[in-house]
Amino acid sequence: MSKEIKPVSPVRPIAPVGAVGLRRSPSFGQLRQWLNYSCRLAKQRRSKDGQEQE
C-alpha cells in the first residue's frame, strides 16, 4: 500500500480532486460548499437507514 502512495506524492495526503478544486476556484468557499454537501448526504443516508437519528 505504501509503495503505491509514495511515488504519487508523499507531501500531499489529500486526494488529487481537492488540490484541483483549490487550484480551479480562487476562493476557498467552493471547497467548503462541497464538504457541507457531502456531510448532508452522509446525514441523509444515516437517517434513511434508521441507524442514527438526530
PDB file of N, CA and C in Angstrom:
ATOM      1  N   MET A   1       0.834  -1.200   0.000  1.00  0.00           N
ATOM      2  CA  MET A   1       0.000   0.000   0.000  1.00  0.00           C
ATOM      3  C   MET A   1       0.874   1.257   0.000  1.00  0.00           C
ATOM      4  N   SER A   2       1.878   1.272   0.878  1.00  0.00           N
ATOM      5  CA  SER A   2       2.738   2.457   0.970  1.00  0.00           C
ATOM      6  C   SER A   2       3.500   2.652  -0.340  1.00  0.00           C
ATOM      7  N   LYS A   3       3.865   1.549  -1.012  1.00  0.00           N
ATOM      8  CA  LYS A   3       4.616   1.676  -2.265  1.00  0.00           C
ATOM      9  C   LYS A   3       3.794   2.424  -3.307  1.00  0.00           C
ATOM     10  N   GLU A   4       2.477   2.202  -3.325  1.00  0.00           N
ATOM     11  CA  GLU A   4       1.639   2.874  -4.322  1.00  0.00           C
ATOM     12  C   GLU A   4       1.477   4.357  -3.999  1.00  0.00           C
ATOM     13  N   ILE A   5       1.418   4.708  -2.717  1.00  0.00           N
ATOM     14  CA  ILE A   5       1.194   6.106  -2.332  1.00  0.00           C
ATOM     15  C   ILE A   5       2.471   6.936  -2.468  1.00  0.00           C
ATOM     16  N   LYS A   6       3.623   6.358  -2.147  1.00  0.00           N
ATOM     17  CA  LYS A   6       4.880   7.126  -2.151  1.00  0.00           C
ATOM     18  C   LYS A   6       5.174   7.792  -3.497  1.00  0.00           C
ATOM     19  N   PRO A   7       5.199   7.085  -4.629  1.00  0.00           N
ATOM     20  CA  PRO A   7       5.562   7.704  -5.905  1.00  0.00           C
ATOM     21  C   PRO A   7       4.613   8.821  -6.329  1.00  0.00           C
ATOM     22  N   VAL A   8       3.349   8.710  -5.965  1.00  0.00           N
ATOM     23  CA  VAL A   8       2.377   9.726  -6.392  1.00  0.00           C
ATOM     24  C   VAL A   8       2.763  11.078  -5.812  1.00  0.00           C
ATOM     25  N   SER A   9       2.823  11.194  -4.493  1.00  0.00           N
ATOM     26  CA  SER A   9       3.241  12.453  -3.854  1.00  0.00           C
ATOM     27  C   SER A   9       3.061  12.333  -2.344  1.00  0.00           C
ATOM     28  N   PRO A  10       4.143  12.043  -1.613  1.00  0.00           N
ATOM     29  CA  PRO A  10       4.076  11.845  -0.165  1.00  0.00           C
ATOM     30  C   PRO A  10       3.737  13.123   0.593  1.00  0.00           C
ATOM     31  N   VAL A  11       3.965  14.285  -0.045  1.00  0.00           N
ATOM     32  CA  VAL A  11       3.708  15.559   0.640  1.00  0.00           C
ATOM     33  C   VAL A  11       2.219  15.884   0.636  1.00  0.00           C
ATOM     34  N   ARG A  12       1.472  15.333  -0.321  1.00  0.00           N
ATOM     35  CA  ARG A  12       0.040  15.653  -0.411  1.00  0.00           C
ATOM     36  C   ARG A  12      -0.805  14.434  -0.081  1.00  0.00           C
ATOM     37  N   PRO A  13      -1.170  14.237   1.187  1.00  0.00           N
ATOM     38  CA  PRO A  13      -2.034  13.115   1.549  1.00  0.00           C
ATOM     39  C   PRO A  13      -3.470  13.342   1.091  1.00  0.00           C
ATOM     40  N   ILE A  14      -3.809  14.604   0.767  1.00  0.00           N
ATOM     41  CA  ILE A  14      -5.168  14.932   0.332  1.00  0.00           C
ATOM     42  C   ILE A  14      -5.412  14.366  -1.068  1.00  0.00           C
ATOM     43  N   ALA A  15      -6.648  14.013  -1.361  1.00  0.00           N
ATOM     44  CA  ALA A  15      -6.986  13.471  -2.675  1.00  0.00           C
ATOM     45  C   ALA A  15      -6.686  14.500  -3.761  1.00  0.00           C
ATOM     46  N   PRO A  16      -6.312  14.048  -4.968  1.00  0.00           N
ATOM     47  CA  PRO A  16      -5.999  14.970  -6.064  1.00  0.00           C
ATOM     48  C   PRO A  16      -7.177  15.879  -6.404  1.00  0.00           C
ATOM     49  N   VAL A  17      -8.384  15.383  -6.209  1.00  0.00           N
ATOM     50  CA  VAL A  17      -9.575  16.193  -6.521  1.00  0.00           C
ATOM     51  C   VAL A  17      -9.573  17.464  -5.675  1.00  0.00           C
ATOM     52  N   GLY A  18      -9.225  17.344  -4.396  1.00  0.00           N
ATOM     53  CA  GLY A  18      -9.198  18.514  -3.509  1.00  0.00           C
ATOM     54  C   GLY A  18      -8.201  19.544  -4.015  1.00  0.00           C
ATOM     55  N   ALA A  19      -7.015  19.085  -4.420  1.00  0.00           N
ATOM     56  CA  ALA A  19      -5.990  20.010  -4.908  1.00  0.00           C
ATOM     57  C   ALA A  19      -6.492  20.714  -6.165  1.00  0.00           C
ATOM     58  N   VAL A  20      -7.101  19.958  -7.066  1.00  0.00           N
ATOM     59  CA  VAL A  20      -7.614  20.554  -8.307  1.00  0.00           C
ATOM     60  C   VAL A  20      -8.679  21.593  -7.983  1.00  0.00           C
ATOM     61  N   GLY A  21      -9.562  21.269  -7.032  1.00  0.00           N
ATOM     62  CA  GLY A  21     -10.624  22.210  -6.658  1.00  0.00           C
ATOM     63  C   GLY A  21     -10.033  23.509  -6.142  1.00  0.00           C
ATOM     64  N   LEU A  22      -8.990  23.401  -5.284  1.00  0.00           N
ATOM     65  CA  LEU A  22      -8.364  24.605  -4.734  1.00  0.00           C
ATOM     66  C   LEU A  22      -7.726  25.413  -5.856  1.00  0.00           C
ATOM     67  N   ARG A  23      -7.071  24.729  -6.795  1.00  0.00           N
ATOM     68  CA  ARG A  23      -6.394  25.442  -7.885  1.00  0.00           C
ATOM     69  C   ARG A  23      -7.420  26.121  -8.785  1.00  0.00           C
ATOM     70  N   ARG A  24      -8.500  25.412  -9.096  1.00  0.00           N
ATOM     71  CA  ARG A  24      -9.508  25.970 -10.005  1.00  0.00           C
ATOM     72  C   ARG A  24     -10.227  27.146  -9.354  1.00  0.00           C
ATOM     73  N   SER A  25     -10.730  26.943  -8.150  1.00  0.00           N
ATOM     74  CA  SER A  25     -11.505  28.006  -7.503  1.00  0.00           C
ATOM     75  C   SER A  25     -10.577  29.005  -6.811  1.00  0.00           C
ATOM     76  N   PRO A  26     -10.712  30.298  -7.110  1.00  0.00           N
ATOM     77  CA  PRO A  26      -9.870  31.313  -6.479  1.00  0.00           C
ATOM     78  C   PRO A  26     -10.189  31.465  -4.999  1.00  0.00           C
ATOM     79  N   SER A  27     -11.418  31.136  -4.632  1.00  0.00           N
ATOM     80  CA  SER A  27     -11.825  31.275  -3.232  1.00  0.00           C
ATOM     81  C   SER A  27     -11.962  29.901  -2.591  1.00  0.00           C
ATOM     82  N   PHE A  28     -11.851  29.861  -1.264  1.00  0.00           N
ATOM     83  CA  PHE A  28     -11.939  28.593  -0.534  1.00  0.00           C
ATOM     84  C   PHE A  28     -13.393  28.199  -0.293  1.00  0.00           C
ATOM     85  N   GLY A  29     -14.325  29.069  -0.705  1.00  0.00           N
ATOM     86  CA  GLY A  29     -15.753  28.808  -0.460  1.00  0.00           C
ATOM     87  C   GLY A  29     -16.244  27.560  -1.181  1.00  0.00           C
ATOM     88  N   GLN A  30     -15.762  27.354  -2.415  1.00  0.00           N
ATOM     89  CA  GLN A  30     -16.248  26.205  -3.187  1.00  0.00           C
ATOM     90  C   GLN A  30     -15.958  24.904  -2.449  1.00  0.00           C
ATOM     91  N   LEU A  31     -14.739  24.786  -1.913  1.00  0.00           N
ATOM     92  CA  LEU A  31     -14.384  23.556  -1.213  1.00  0.00           C
ATOM     93  C   LEU A  31     -15.285  23.369   0.001  1.00  0.00           C
ATOM     94  N   ARG A  32     -15.549  24.456   0.736  1.00  0.00           N
ATOM     95  CA  ARG A  32     -16.407  24.361   1.925  1.00  0.00           C
ATOM     96  C   ARG A  32     -17.797  23.896   1.526  1.00  0.00           C
ATOM     97  N   GLN A  33     -18.313  24.435   0.417  1.00  0.00           N
ATOM     98  CA  GLN A  33     -19.644  24.024  -0.036  1.00  0.00           C
ATOM     99  C   GLN A  33     -19.657  22.528  -0.318  1.00  0.00           C
ATOM    100  N   TRP A  34     -18.616  22.029  -0.985  1.00  0.00           N
ATOM    101  CA  TRP A  34     -18.561  20.600  -1.306  1.00  0.00           C
ATOM    102  C   TRP A  34     -18.545  19.770  -0.032  1.00  0.00           C
ATOM    103  N   LEU A  35     -17.766  20.222   0.972  1.00  0.00           N
ATOM    104  CA  LEU A  35     -17.703  19.488   2.241  1.00  0.00           C
ATOM    105  C   LEU A  35     -19.076  19.474   2.895  1.00  0.00           C
ATOM    106  N   ASN A  36     -19.741  20.621   2.935  1.00  0.00           N
ATOM    107  CA  ASN A  36     -21.075  20.686   3.540  1.00  0.00           C
ATOM    108  C   ASN A  36     -22.028  19.751   2.804  1.00  0.00           C
ATOM    109  N   TYR A  37     -21.960  19.750   1.464  1.00  0.00           N
ATOM    110  CA  TYR A  37     -22.835  18.902   0.659  1.00  0.00           C
ATOM    111  C   TYR A  37     -22.617  17.429   0.996  1.00  0.00           C
ATOM    112  N   SER A  38     -21.345  17.012   1.074  1.00  0.00           N
ATOM    113  CA  SER A  38     -21.042  15.611   1.384  1.00  0.00           C
ATOM    114  C   SER A  38     -21.544  15.268   2.784  1.00  0.00           C
ATOM    115  N   CYS A  39     -21.376  16.204   3.734  1.00  0.00           N
ATOM    116  CA  CYS A  39     -21.843  15.950   5.107  1.00  0.00           C
ATOM    117  C   CYS A  39     -23.354  15.768   5.112  1.00  0.00           C
ATOM    118  N   ARG A  40     -24.056  16.603   4.357  1.00  0.00           N
ATOM    119  CA  ARG A  40     -25.518  16.497   4.313  1.00  0.00           C
ATOM    120  C   ARG A  40     -25.929  15.149   3.751  1.00  0.00           C
ATOM    121  N   LEU A  41     -25.273  14.735   2.669  1.00  0.00           N
ATOM    122  CA  LEU A  41     -25.607  13.441   2.068  1.00  0.00           C
ATOM    123  C   LEU A  41     -25.392  12.326   3.078  1.00  0.00           C
ATOM    124  N   ALA A  42     -24.286  12.380   3.806  1.00  0.00           N
ATOM    125  CA  ALA A  42     -23.988  11.344   4.800  1.00  0.00           C
ATOM    126  C   ALA A  42     -25.087  11.308   5.856  1.00  0.00           C
ATOM    127  N   LYS A  43     -25.505  12.479   6.338  1.00  0.00           N
ATOM    128  CA  LYS A  43     -26.551  12.524   7.368  1.00  0.00           C
ATOM    129  C   LYS A  43     -27.855  11.965   6.815  1.00  0.00           C
ATOM    130  N   GLN A  44     -28.188  12.336   5.574  1.00  0.00           N
ATOM    131  CA  GLN A  44     -29.427  11.842   4.973  1.00  0.00           C
ATOM    132  C   GLN A  44     -29.385  10.317   4.872  1.00  0.00           C
ATOM    133  N   ARG A  45     -28.252   9.777   4.440  1.00  0.00           N
ATOM    134  CA  ARG A  45     -28.144   8.318   4.315  1.00  0.00           C
ATOM    135  C   ARG A  45     -28.339   7.660   5.668  1.00  0.00           C
ATOM    136  N   ARG A  46     -27.711   8.228   6.712  1.00  0.00           N
ATOM    137  CA  ARG A  46     -27.835   7.652   8.051  1.00  0.00           C
ATOM    138  C   ARG A  46     -29.289   7.675   8.501  1.00  0.00           C
ATOM    139  N   SER A  47     -29.965   8.812   8.293  1.00  0.00           N
ATOM    140  CA  SER A  47     -31.351   8.930   8.744  1.00  0.00           C
ATOM    141  C   SER A  47     -32.231   7.949   7.960  1.00  0.00           C
ATOM    142  N   LYS A  48     -31.951   7.786   6.659  1.00  0.00           N
ATOM    143  CA  LYS A  48     -32.744   6.854   5.846  1.00  0.00           C
ATOM    144  C   LYS A  48     -32.564   5.430   6.367  1.00  0.00           C
ATOM    145  N   ASP A  49     -31.340   5.070   6.714  1.00  0.00           N
ATOM    146  CA  ASP A  49     -31.090   3.721   7.223  1.00  0.00           C
ATOM    147  C   ASP A  49     -31.812   3.521   8.547  1.00  0.00           C
ATOM    148  N   GLY A  50     -31.988   4.606   9.310  1.00  0.00           N
ATOM    149  CA  GLY A  50     -32.677   4.494  10.587  1.00  0.00           C
ATOM    150  C   GLY A  50     -31.741   4.097  11.710  1.00  0.00           C
ATOM    151  N   GLN A  51     -30.436   3.982  11.429  1.00  0.00           N
ATOM    152  CA  GLN A  51     -29.487   3.599  12.480  1.00  0.00           C
ATOM    153  C   GLN A  51     -29.232   4.786  13.406  1.00  0.00           C
ATOM    154  N   GLU A  52     -28.996   5.968  12.806  1.00  0.00           N
ATOM    155  CA  GLU A  52     -28.718   7.150  13.638  1.00  0.00           C
ATOM    156  C   GLU A  52     -29.696   8.256  13.277  1.00  0.00           C
ATOM    157  N   GLN A  53     -30.527   8.646  14.234  1.00  0.00           N
ATOM    158  CA  GLN A  53     -31.483   9.728  14.005  1.00  0.00           C
ATOM    159  C   GLN A  53     -31.259  10.815  15.033  1.00  0.00           C
ATOM    160  N   GLU A  54     -31.006  12.052  14.527  1.00  0.00           N
ATOM    161  CA  GLU A  54     -30.764  13.150  15.473  1.00  0.00           C
ATOM    162  C   GLU A  54     -32.083  13.811  15.833  1.00  0.00           C
TER     163      GLU A  54
END
